Amino acid sequence: MRAALGAIEDLTEATRDAPYATRVDSLTNTFNSRTSGDDLVVAALVADARTGRAGSRAVPGDR
């Protein structure tokens, strides 16, 4: 699976340089948003395609 995600990441980066490309969406640059109490948690579906790790960061809500 890591090899496949790495290939997707490589293709995503290469496609960004393609003529007339204005936006490239793929599994390796898509985010998942969810709430946790008053916080908005934004997590990458795949933070590092080479290791298969998912990333996340919390955005505090108004308190």
PDB file of N, CA and C in Angstrom:
ATOM      1  N   MET A   1       0.828  -1.191   0.000  1.00  0.00           N
ATOM      2  CA  MET A   1       0.000   0.000   0.000  1.00  0.00           C
ATOM      3  C   MET A   1       0.871   1.253   0.000  1.00  0.00           C
ATOM      4  N   ARG A   2       1.979   1.226   0.749  1.00  0.00           N
ATOM      5  CA  ARG A   2       2.856   2.397   0.783  1.00  0.00           C
ATOM      6  C   ARG A   2       3.411   2.712  -0.591  1.00  0.00           C
ATOM      7  N   ALA A   3       3.742   1.667  -1.355  1.00  0.00           N
ATOM      8  CA  ALA A   3       4.266   1.888  -2.703  1.00  0.00           C
ATOM      9  C   ALA A   3       3.207   2.547  -3.585  1.00  0.00           C
ATOM     10  N   ALA A   4       1.965   2.103  -3.446  1.00  0.00           N
ATOM     11  CA  ALA A   4       0.883   2.690  -4.239  1.00  0.00           C
ATOM     12  C   ALA A   4       0.654   4.145  -3.850  1.00  0.00           C
ATOM     13  N   LEU A   5       0.656   4.437  -2.542  1.00  0.00           N
ATOM     14  CA  LEU A   5       0.472   5.822  -2.095  1.00  0.00           C
ATOM     15  C   LEU A   5       1.639   6.695  -2.537  1.00  0.00           C
ATOM     16  N   GLY A   6       2.840   6.140  -2.516  1.00  0.00           N
ATOM     17  CA  GLY A   6       4.003   6.881  -3.000  1.00  0.00           C
ATOM     18  C   GLY A   6       3.873   7.201  -4.475  1.00  0.00           C
ATOM     19  N   ALA A   7       3.385   6.244  -5.261  1.00  0.00           N
ATOM     20  CA  ALA A   7       3.180   6.472  -6.691  1.00  0.00           C
ATOM     21  C   ALA A   7       2.108   7.532  -6.923  1.00  0.00           C
ATOM     22  N   ILE A   8       1.042   7.492  -6.133  1.00  0.00           N
ATOM     23  CA  ILE A   8      -0.013   8.508  -6.250  1.00  0.00           C
ATOM     24  C   ILE A   8       0.549   9.883  -5.921  1.00  0.00           C
ATOM     25  N   GLU A   9       1.366   9.965  -4.876  1.00  0.00           N
ATOM     26  CA  GLU A   9       1.971  11.244  -4.505  1.00  0.00           C
ATOM     27  C   GLU A   9       2.881  11.762  -5.619  1.00  0.00           C
ATOM     28  N   ASP A  10       3.679  10.884  -6.213  1.00  0.00           N
ATOM     29  CA  ASP A  10       4.559  11.280  -7.315  1.00  0.00           C
ATOM     30  C   ASP A  10       3.754  11.773  -8.512  1.00  0.00           C
ATOM     31  N   LEU A  11       2.688  11.058  -8.858  1.00  0.00           N
ATOM     32  CA  LEU A  11       1.834  11.475  -9.975  1.00  0.00           C
ATOM     33  C   LEU A  11       1.143  12.805  -9.691  1.00  0.00           C
ATOM     34  N   THR A  12       0.727  13.002  -8.457  1.00  0.00           N
ATOM     35  CA  THR A  12       0.081  14.258  -8.071  1.00  0.00           C
ATOM     36  C   THR A  12       1.034  15.426  -8.265  1.00  0.00           C
ATOM     37  N   GLU A  13       2.266  15.272  -7.786  1.00  0.00           N
ATOM     38  CA  GLU A  13       3.263  16.339  -7.921  1.00  0.00           C
ATOM     39  C   GLU A  13       3.601  16.592  -9.386  1.00  0.00           C
ATOM     40  N   ALA A  14       3.753  15.530 -10.174  1.00  0.00           N
ATOM     41  CA  ALA A  14       4.084  15.686 -11.591  1.00  0.00           C
ATOM     42  C   ALA A  14       2.947  16.348 -12.361  1.00  0.00           C
ATOM     43  N   THR A  15       1.723  16.018 -12.010  1.00  0.00           N
ATOM     44  CA  THR A  15       0.564  16.567 -12.713  1.00  0.00           C
ATOM     45  C   THR A  15       0.401  18.057 -12.452  1.00  0.00           C
ATOM     46  N   ARG A  16       0.848  18.532 -11.307  1.00  0.00           N
ATOM     47  CA  ARG A  16       0.760  19.966 -11.010  1.00  0.00           C
ATOM     48  C   ARG A  16       1.538  20.804 -12.014  1.00  0.00           C
ATOM     49  N   ASP A  17       2.565  20.218 -12.605  1.00  0.00           N
ATOM     50  CA  ASP A  17       3.387  20.931 -13.580  1.00  0.00           C
ATOM     51  C   ASP A  17       2.905  20.756 -15.013  1.00  0.00           C
ATOM     52  N   ALA A  18       1.822  20.018 -15.211  1.00  0.00           N
ATOM     53  CA  ALA A  18       1.303  19.784 -16.557  1.00  0.00           C
ATOM     54  C   ALA A  18       0.737  21.073 -17.141  1.00  0.00           C
ATOM     55  N   PRO A  19       0.897  21.256 -18.449  1.00  0.00           N
ATOM     56  CA  PRO A  19       0.334  22.453 -19.080  1.00  0.00           C
ATOM     57  C   PRO A  19      -1.178  22.532 -18.852  1.00  0.00           C
ATOM     58  N   TYR A  20      -1.645  23.705 -18.558  1.00  0.00           N
ATOM     59  CA  TYR A  20      -3.067  24.013 -18.370  1.00  0.00           C
ATOM     60  C   TYR A  20      -3.666  23.416 -17.098  1.00  0.00           C
ATOM     61  N   ALA A  21      -2.875  22.768 -16.266  1.00  0.00           N
ATOM     62  CA  ALA A  21      -3.402  22.234 -15.001  1.00  0.00           C
ATOM     63  C   ALA A  21      -3.566  23.387 -14.019  1.00  0.00           C
ATOM     64  N   THR A  22      -4.756  23.526 -13.464  1.00  0.00           N
ATOM     65  CA  THR A  22      -5.002  24.584 -12.489  1.00  0.00           C
ATOM     66  C   THR A  22      -5.225  24.028 -11.090  1.00  0.00           C
ATOM     67  N   ARG A  23      -5.619  22.758 -11.026  1.00  0.00           N
ATOM     68  CA  ARG A  23      -5.873  22.135  -9.726  1.00  0.00           C
ATOM     69  C   ARG A  23      -5.701  20.626  -9.860  1.00  0.00           C
ATOM     70  N   VAL A  24      -5.093  20.027  -8.853  1.00  0.00           N
ATOM     71  CA  VAL A  24      -4.900  18.578  -8.851  1.00  0.00           C
ATOM     72  C   VAL A  24      -5.388  18.041  -7.511  1.00  0.00           C
ATOM     73  N   ASP A  25      -6.380  17.172  -7.548  1.00  0.00           N
ATOM     74  CA  ASP A  25      -6.899  16.536  -6.336  1.00  0.00           C
ATOM     75  C   ASP A  25      -6.545  15.053  -6.363  1.00  0.00           C
ATOM     76  N   SER A  26      -6.109  14.548  -5.234  1.00  0.00           N
ATOM     77  CA  SER A  26      -5.818  13.121  -5.122  1.00  0.00           C
ATOM     78  C   SER A  26      -5.895  12.711  -3.655  1.00  0.00           C
ATOM     79  N   LEU A  27      -5.728  11.442  -3.391  1.00  0.00           N
ATOM     80  CA  LEU A  27      -5.751  10.944  -2.010  1.00  0.00           C
ATOM     81  C   LEU A  27      -4.657  11.564  -1.159  1.00  0.00           C
ATOM     82  N   THR A  28      -3.541  11.941  -1.779  1.00  0.00           N
ATOM     83  CA  THR A  28      -2.397  12.430  -1.004  1.00  0.00           C
ATOM     84  C   THR A  28      -2.452  13.920  -0.705  1.00  0.00           C
ATOM     85  N   ASN A  29      -3.421  14.639  -1.233  1.00  0.00           N
ATOM     86  CA  ASN A  29      -3.531  16.061  -0.896  1.00  0.00           C
ATOM     87  C   ASN A  29      -4.962  16.444  -0.510  1.00  0.00           C
ATOM     88  N   THR A  30      -5.703  15.488   0.014  1.00  0.00           N
ATOM     89  CA  THR A  30      -7.081  15.701   0.441  1.00  0.00           C
ATOM     90  C   THR A  30      -7.147  15.666   1.966  1.00  0.00           C
ATOM     91  N   PHE A  31      -7.993  16.515   2.534  1.00  0.00           N
ATOM     92  CA  PHE A  31      -8.110  16.612   3.982  1.00  0.00           C
ATOM     93  C   PHE A  31      -9.474  16.140   4.451  1.00  0.00           C
ATOM     94  N   ASN A  32      -9.520  15.652   5.656  1.00  0.00           N
ATOM     95  CA  ASN A  32     -10.749  15.243   6.316  1.00  0.00           C
ATOM     96  C   ASN A  32     -10.984  16.198   7.483  1.00  0.00           C
ATOM     97  N   SER A  33     -12.146  16.794   7.553  1.00  0.00           N
ATOM     98  CA  SER A  33     -12.479  17.723   8.641  1.00  0.00           C
ATOM     99  C   SER A  33     -13.541  17.103   9.536  1.00  0.00           C
ATOM    100  N   ARG A  34     -13.355  17.263  10.836  1.00  0.00           N
ATOM    101  CA  ARG A  34     -14.347  16.774  11.799  1.00  0.00           C
ATOM    102  C   ARG A  34     -14.319  17.694  13.011  1.00  0.00           C
ATOM    103  N   THR A  35     -15.324  17.570  13.827  1.00  0.00           N
ATOM    104  CA  THR A  35     -15.361  18.371  15.047  1.00  0.00           C
ATOM    105  C   THR A  35     -15.071  17.489  16.247  1.00  0.00           C
ATOM    106  N   SER A  36     -14.502  18.136  17.256  1.00  0.00           N
ATOM    107  CA  SER A  36     -14.253  17.491  18.541  1.00  0.00           C
ATOM    108  C   SER A  36     -14.600  18.528  19.597  1.00  0.00           C
ATOM    109  N   GLY A  37     -15.824  18.465  20.100  1.00  0.00           N
ATOM    110  CA  GLY A  37     -16.298  19.515  21.004  1.00  0.00           C
ATOM    111  C   GLY A  37     -16.425  20.815  20.235  1.00  0.00           C
ATOM    112  N   ASP A  38     -15.742  21.856  20.708  1.00  0.00           N
ATOM    113  CA  ASP A  38     -15.763  23.148  20.031  1.00  0.00           C
ATOM    114  C   ASP A  38     -14.623  23.306  19.035  1.00  0.00           C
ATOM    115  N   ASP A  39     -13.828  22.283  18.863  1.00  0.00           N
ATOM    116  CA  ASP A  39     -12.669  22.363  17.979  1.00  0.00           C
ATOM    117  C   ASP A  39     -12.969  21.745  16.623  1.00  0.00           C
ATOM    118  N   LEU A  40     -12.352  22.306  15.599  1.00  0.00           N
ATOM    119  CA  LEU A  40     -12.388  21.743  14.263  1.00  0.00           C
ATOM    120  C   LEU A  40     -11.054  21.041  14.051  1.00  0.00           C
ATOM    121  N   VAL A  41     -11.107  19.756  13.764  1.00  0.00           N
ATOM    122  CA  VAL A  41      -9.888  18.979  13.551  1.00  0.00           C
ATOM    123  C   VAL A  41      -9.759  18.702  12.061  1.00  0.00           C
ATOM    124  N   VAL A  42      -8.657  19.149  11.487  1.00  0.00           N
ATOM    125  CA  VAL A  42      -8.388  18.941  10.074  1.00  0.00           C
ATOM    126  C   VAL A  42      -7.262  17.924   9.971  1.00  0.00           C
ATOM    127  N   ALA A  43      -7.549  16.802   9.352  1.00  0.00           N
ATOM    128  CA  ALA A  43      -6.557  15.736   9.243  1.00  0.00           C
ATOM    129  C   ALA A  43      -6.352  15.368   7.782  1.00  0.00           C
ATOM    130  N   ALA A  44      -5.105  15.265   7.395  1.00  0.00           N
ATOM    131  CA  ALA A  44      -4.796  14.798   6.049  1.00  0.00           C
ATOM    132  C   ALA A  44      -5.177  13.326   5.954  1.00  0.00           C
ATOM    133  N   LEU A  45      -5.766  12.936   4.837  1.00  0.00           N
ATOM    134  CA  LEU A  45      -6.043  11.515   4.653  1.00  0.00           C
ATOM    135  C   LEU A  45      -4.735  10.740   4.648  1.00  0.00           C
ATOM    136  N   VAL A  46      -3.707  11.315   4.027  1.00  0.00           N
ATOM    137  CA  VAL A  46      -2.372  10.721   4.017  1.00  0.00           C
ATOM    138  C   VAL A  46      -1.377  11.851   4.209  1.00  0.00           C
ATOM    139  N   ALA A  47      -0.746  11.920   5.381  1.00  0.00           N
ATOM    140  CA  ALA A  47       0.224  12.982   5.652  1.00  0.00           C
ATOM    141  C   ALA A  47       1.565  12.675   5.006  1.00  0.00           C
ATOM    142  N   ASP A  48       1.971  11.419   5.023  1.00  0.00           N
ATOM    143  CA  ASP A  48       3.243  11.009   4.441  1.00  0.00           C
ATOM    144  C   ASP A  48       3.012   9.707   3.685  1.00  0.00           C
ATOM    145  N   ALA A  49       2.957   9.804   2.378  1.00  0.00           N
ATOM    146  CA  ALA A  49       2.646   8.631   1.565  1.00  0.00           C
ATOM    147  C   ALA A  49       3.697   7.544   1.699  1.00  0.00           C
ATOM    148  N   ARG A  50       4.913   7.913   2.003  1.00  0.00           N
ATOM    149  CA  ARG A  50       5.992   6.918   2.115  1.00  0.00           C
ATOM    150  C   ARG A  50       5.830   6.051   3.365  1.00  0.00           C
ATOM    151  N   THR A  51       5.254   6.609   4.433  1.00  0.00           N
ATOM    152  CA  THR A  51       5.059   5.828   5.657  1.00  0.00           C
ATOM    153  C   THR A  51       3.605   5.422   5.854  1.00  0.00           C
ATOM    154  N   GLY A  52       2.688   6.044   5.107  1.00  0.00           N
ATOM    155  CA  GLY A  52       1.274   5.733   5.243  1.00  0.00           C
ATOM    156  C   GLY A  52       0.621   6.384   6.437  1.00  0.00           C
ATOM    157  N   ARG A  53       1.315   7.315   7.087  1.00  0.00           N
ATOM    158  CA  ARG A  53       0.766   7.973   8.278  1.00  0.00           C
ATOM    159  C   ARG A  53      -0.250   9.042   7.901  1.00  0.00           C
ATOM    160  N   ALA A  54      -1.266   9.166   8.728  1.00  0.00           N
ATOM    161  CA  ALA A  54      -2.238  10.249   8.585  1.00  0.00           C
ATOM    162  C   ALA A  54      -1.840  11.353   9.546  1.00  0.00           C
ATOM    163  N   GLY A  55      -2.112  12.586   9.172  1.00  0.00           N
ATOM    164  CA  GLY A  55      -1.767  13.709  10.031  1.00  0.00           C
ATOM    165  C   GLY A  55      -3.007  14.423  10.503  1.00  0.00           C
ATOM    166  N   SER A  56      -2.868  15.224  11.533  1.00  0.00           N
ATOM    167  CA  SER A  56      -4.001  16.012  12.000  1.00  0.00           C
ATOM    168  C   SER A  56      -3.505  17.235  12.733  1.00  0.00           C
ATOM    169  N   ARG A  57      -4.357  18.223  12.766  1.00  0.00           N
ATOM    170  CA  ARG A  57      -4.087  19.429  13.545  1.00  0.00           C
ATOM    171  C   ARG A  57      -5.426  19.976  13.998  1.00  0.00           C
ATOM    172  N   ALA A  58      -5.467  20.496  15.181  1.00  0.00           N
ATOM    173  CA  ALA A  58      -6.714  21.020  15.737  1.00  0.00           C
ATOM    174  C   ALA A  58      -6.775  22.523  15.543  1.00  0.00           C
ATOM    175  N   VAL A  59      -7.943  23.009  15.193  1.00  0.00           N
ATOM    176  CA  VAL A  59      -8.196  24.440  15.075  1.00  0.00           C
ATOM    177  C   VAL A  59      -9.189  24.789  16.170  1.00  0.00           C
ATOM    178  N   PRO A  60      -8.755  25.529  17.196  1.00  0.00           N
ATOM    179  CA  PRO A  60      -9.653  25.829  18.317  1.00  0.00           C
ATOM    180  C   PRO A  60     -10.893  26.597  17.868  1.00  0.00           C
ATOM    181  N   GLY A  61     -12.021  26.262  18.480  1.00  0.00           N
ATOM    182  CA  GLY A  61     -13.249  26.989  18.210  1.00  0.00           C
ATOM    183  C   GLY A  61     -13.358  28.209  19.105  1.00  0.00           C
ATOM    184  N   ASP A  62     -14.371  29.021  18.867  1.00  0.00           N
ATOM    185  CA  ASP A  62     -14.600  30.202  19.710  1.00  0.00           C
ATOM    186  C   ASP A  62     -15.042  29.745  21.086  1.00  0.00           C
ATOM    187  N   ARG A  63     -14.398  30.264  22.092  1.00  0.00           N
ATOM    188  CA  ARG A  63     -14.762  29.897  23.468  1.00  0.00           C
ATOM    189  C   ARG A  63     -14.976  31.118  24.286  1.00  0.00           C
TER     190      ARG A  63
END
